[in-house]
Structure formats: C-alpha cells, structure tokens
Amino acid sequence: MQDHQPDTNPDDGPLARRYDDRGAGLVEYALLVALIVLTCVGAMTYFSEATEEKFTDSCEAIGNAMTGSSNCS
C-alpha cells in the first residue's frame, strides 16, 4: 500500500509548493455549518411571532400555577 504523497510541480525545483486538497474538507464543513446556522436563524425569524406567543403562554401558565399571578413580559 502506497502512502498518500501530495503532488508537486517538478518544474519549480526543490522549493516547489505542494499541492494538496486535504484542507478542503475543513472549508466544506465550515460552509455546511454556516448554512445550517443561517437556516436556523431564518426559521427562528420566520416563526418568531408564533414562538413568542407559545413561550408567553407557557410562562403565564407556570406563573399562575405557582403563585396565582404571572409576571411575563
């Protein structure tokens, strides 16, 4: 089995830059994470009003059950 050796350009002499695509995976993962974050932020923005109402309703229900009054803003 042969070890993976990065390609070199033989015309550049002993100080040739090594051409390697192993770092491309990191960039792809970073772009994937950025896309997931943007999707989550977009969904939260789109559903923010309905979500806010649900959290307010939950807060009021918990406050009423524990103290008889709600202090949700």
N, C-alpha and C. Protein backbone atom coordinates (compact mmCIF):
# COMPACT_ATOMS: atom_id res chain seq x y z
N MET A 1 0.85 -1.18 0.00
CA MET A 1 0.00 0.00 0.00
C MET A 1 0.89 1.24 0.00
N GLN A 2 0.56 2.18 -0.84
CA GLN A 2 1.39 3.37 -1.01
C GLN A 2 0.84 4.50 -0.16
N ASP A 3 1.74 5.21 0.53
CA ASP A 3 1.32 6.36 1.33
C ASP A 3 0.87 7.49 0.41
N HIS A 4 -0.05 8.29 0.90
CA HIS A 4 -0.52 9.44 0.12
C HIS A 4 0.54 10.53 0.16
N GLN A 5 1.04 10.89 -0.97
CA GLN A 5 2.02 11.96 -1.09
C GLN A 5 1.39 13.08 -1.90
N PRO A 6 1.44 14.32 -1.41
CA PRO A 6 0.89 15.44 -2.18
C PRO A 6 1.63 15.60 -3.50
N ASP A 7 0.92 16.03 -4.50
CA ASP A 7 1.54 16.28 -5.81
C ASP A 7 2.43 17.51 -5.74
N THR A 8 3.54 17.44 -6.41
CA THR A 8 4.43 18.60 -6.52
C THR A 8 4.62 18.92 -7.99
N ASN A 9 4.94 20.15 -8.24
CA ASN A 9 5.23 20.57 -9.61
C ASN A 9 6.73 20.45 -9.81
N PRO A 10 7.20 19.50 -10.61
CA PRO A 10 8.65 19.29 -10.75
C PRO A 10 9.37 20.46 -11.42
N ASP A 11 8.64 21.34 -12.09
CA ASP A 11 9.29 22.46 -12.77
C ASP A 11 9.72 23.56 -11.80
N ASP A 12 9.23 23.52 -10.56
CA ASP A 12 9.55 24.58 -9.61
C ASP A 12 10.81 24.33 -8.81
N GLY A 13 11.46 23.22 -8.99
CA GLY A 13 12.69 22.94 -8.29
C GLY A 13 12.47 22.46 -6.87
N PRO A 14 13.54 22.52 -6.05
CA PRO A 14 13.46 21.95 -4.70
C PRO A 14 12.52 22.71 -3.76
N LEU A 15 12.20 23.95 -4.07
CA LEU A 15 11.31 24.73 -3.21
C LEU A 15 9.87 24.73 -3.74
N ALA A 16 9.52 23.67 -4.44
CA ALA A 16 8.19 23.58 -5.06
C ALA A 16 7.10 23.59 -3.98
N ARG A 17 6.04 24.28 -4.29
CA ARG A 17 4.87 24.24 -3.39
C ARG A 17 4.20 22.91 -3.54
N ARG A 18 3.68 22.42 -2.47
CA ARG A 18 2.96 21.15 -2.52
C ARG A 18 1.50 21.44 -2.76
N TYR A 19 0.93 20.72 -3.67
CA TYR A 19 -0.48 20.85 -3.99
C TYR A 19 -1.22 19.72 -3.30
N ASP A 20 -2.07 20.08 -2.36
CA ASP A 20 -2.76 19.07 -1.56
C ASP A 20 -4.18 19.55 -1.31
N ASP A 21 -5.14 18.67 -1.38
CA ASP A 21 -6.52 19.06 -1.17
C ASP A 21 -7.07 18.55 0.16
N ARG A 22 -6.22 18.14 1.07
CA ARG A 22 -6.71 17.63 2.35
C ARG A 22 -7.38 18.73 3.17
N GLY A 23 -6.99 19.97 3.04
CA GLY A 23 -7.59 21.07 3.78
C GLY A 23 -8.95 21.48 3.26
N ALA A 24 -9.33 20.98 2.11
CA ALA A 24 -10.63 21.34 1.53
C ALA A 24 -11.77 20.85 2.41
N GLY A 25 -11.61 19.76 3.12
CA GLY A 25 -12.66 19.24 3.98
C GLY A 25 -13.06 20.24 5.06
N LEU A 26 -12.09 20.93 5.63
CA LEU A 26 -12.37 21.91 6.67
C LEU A 26 -13.23 23.04 6.13
N VAL A 27 -12.91 23.52 4.95
CA VAL A 27 -13.69 24.60 4.33
C VAL A 27 -15.10 24.12 4.05
N GLU A 28 -15.24 22.91 3.56
CA GLU A 28 -16.57 22.37 3.28
C GLU A 28 -17.40 22.24 4.54
N TYR A 29 -16.80 21.77 5.63
CA TYR A 29 -17.52 21.67 6.89
C TYR A 29 -17.90 23.04 7.42
N ALA A 30 -17.03 24.02 7.28
CA ALA A 30 -17.33 25.38 7.73
C ALA A 30 -18.51 25.95 6.94
N LEU A 31 -18.53 25.72 5.64
CA LEU A 31 -19.65 26.18 4.82
C LEU A 31 -20.94 25.47 5.19
N LEU A 32 -20.86 24.19 5.50
CA LEU A 32 -22.03 23.43 5.91
C LEU A 32 -22.59 23.95 7.23
N VAL A 33 -21.71 24.20 8.19
CA VAL A 33 -22.14 24.74 9.48
C VAL A 33 -22.77 26.12 9.29
N ALA A 34 -22.17 26.96 8.44
CA ALA A 34 -22.72 28.29 8.18
C ALA A 34 -24.11 28.19 7.56
N LEU A 35 -24.30 27.25 6.65
CA LEU A 35 -25.61 27.06 6.03
C LEU A 35 -26.64 26.60 7.06
N ILE A 36 -26.25 25.71 7.95
CA ILE A 36 -27.17 25.24 9.00
C ILE A 36 -27.54 26.39 9.93
N VAL A 37 -26.56 27.21 10.31
CA VAL A 37 -26.84 28.35 11.19
C VAL A 37 -27.78 29.33 10.51
N LEU A 38 -27.53 29.64 9.25
CA LEU A 38 -28.41 30.57 8.52
C LEU A 38 -29.83 30.01 8.41
N THR A 39 -29.95 28.71 8.19
CA THR A 39 -31.27 28.09 8.12
C THR A 39 -31.99 28.19 9.46
N CYS A 40 -31.29 27.94 10.55
CA CYS A 40 -31.89 28.04 11.88
C CYS A 40 -32.32 29.47 12.20
N VAL A 41 -31.47 30.43 11.90
CA VAL A 41 -31.81 31.84 12.14
C VAL A 41 -33.00 32.25 11.29
N GLY A 42 -33.02 31.83 10.04
CA GLY A 42 -34.15 32.14 9.17
C GLY A 42 -35.44 31.53 9.67
N ALA A 43 -35.39 30.29 10.13
CA ALA A 43 -36.58 29.64 10.67
C ALA A 43 -37.05 30.32 11.95
N MET A 44 -36.12 30.70 12.81
CA MET A 44 -36.50 31.38 14.05
C MET A 44 -37.12 32.74 13.75
N THR A 45 -36.60 33.43 12.77
CA THR A 45 -37.16 34.72 12.38
C THR A 45 -38.55 34.54 11.79
N TYR A 46 -38.70 33.54 10.94
CA TYR A 46 -39.98 33.29 10.28
C TYR A 46 -41.06 32.89 11.30
N PHE A 47 -40.69 32.07 12.26
CA PHE A 47 -41.65 31.57 13.25
C PHE A 47 -41.61 32.34 14.56
N SER A 48 -40.97 33.49 14.60
CA SER A 48 -40.75 34.19 15.87
C SER A 48 -42.05 34.61 16.56
N GLU A 49 -43.02 35.10 15.81
CA GLU A 49 -44.26 35.56 16.44
C GLU A 49 -45.00 34.40 17.10
N ALA A 50 -45.16 33.31 16.39
CA ALA A 50 -45.85 32.15 16.95
C ALA A 50 -45.08 31.57 18.13
N THR A 51 -43.77 31.54 18.01
CA THR A 51 -42.93 31.02 19.09
C THR A 51 -43.02 31.91 20.32
N GLU A 52 -43.00 33.21 20.12
CA GLU A 52 -43.10 34.15 21.24
C GLU A 52 -44.43 33.97 21.97
N GLU A 53 -45.50 33.78 21.22
CA GLU A 53 -46.81 33.57 21.85
C GLU A 53 -46.82 32.29 22.68
N LYS A 54 -46.22 31.22 22.17
CA LYS A 54 -46.18 29.95 22.90
C LYS A 54 -45.37 30.09 24.19
N PHE A 55 -44.23 30.76 24.12
CA PHE A 55 -43.42 30.94 25.32
C PHE A 55 -44.14 31.82 26.34
N THR A 56 -44.83 32.85 25.88
CA THR A 56 -45.58 33.71 26.79
C THR A 56 -46.71 32.93 27.45
N ASP A 57 -47.42 32.12 26.66
CA ASP A 57 -48.49 31.29 27.22
C ASP A 57 -47.94 30.32 28.27
N SER A 58 -46.80 29.70 27.97
CA SER A 58 -46.18 28.77 28.92
C SER A 58 -45.76 29.49 30.19
N CYS A 59 -45.16 30.66 30.04
CA CYS A 59 -44.72 31.43 31.19
C CYS A 59 -45.90 31.82 32.07
N GLU A 60 -46.97 32.27 31.44
CA GLU A 60 -48.15 32.66 32.21
C GLU A 60 -48.77 31.46 32.91
N ALA A 61 -48.82 30.31 32.27
CA ALA A 61 -49.38 29.11 32.88
C ALA A 61 -48.55 28.67 34.08
N ILE A 62 -47.23 28.71 33.94
CA ILE A 62 -46.36 28.32 35.06
C ILE A 62 -46.50 29.32 36.19
N GLY A 63 -46.51 30.62 35.86
CA GLY A 63 -46.65 31.65 36.89
C GLY A 63 -47.98 31.54 37.62
N ASN A 64 -49.05 31.30 36.91
CA ASN A 64 -50.37 31.16 37.53
C ASN A 64 -50.43 29.91 38.40
N ALA A 65 -49.81 28.84 37.97
CA ALA A 65 -49.83 27.59 38.75
C ALA A 65 -49.01 27.71 40.02
N MET A 66 -47.94 28.48 40.00
CA MET A 66 -47.06 28.55 41.16
C MET A 66 -47.44 29.65 42.13
N THR A 67 -47.79 30.84 41.62
CA THR A 67 -48.02 31.97 42.52
C THR A 67 -49.42 32.57 42.39
N GLY A 68 -50.18 32.16 41.42
CA GLY A 68 -51.51 32.72 41.21
C GLY A 68 -51.50 33.96 40.34
N SER A 69 -50.32 34.43 39.96
CA SER A 69 -50.23 35.57 39.05
C SER A 69 -49.02 35.38 38.14
N SER A 70 -49.12 35.93 36.97
CA SER A 70 -47.99 35.79 36.03
C SER A 70 -47.23 37.09 35.93
N ASN A 71 -45.93 36.99 35.79
CA ASN A 71 -45.08 38.16 35.66
C ASN A 71 -44.24 37.99 34.39
N CYS A 72 -44.91 37.77 33.26
CA CYS A 72 -44.21 37.57 31.99
C CYS A 72 -44.25 38.86 31.18
N SER A 73 -43.12 39.21 30.60
CA SER A 73 -43.07 40.43 29.80
C SER A 73 -42.88 40.09 28.36
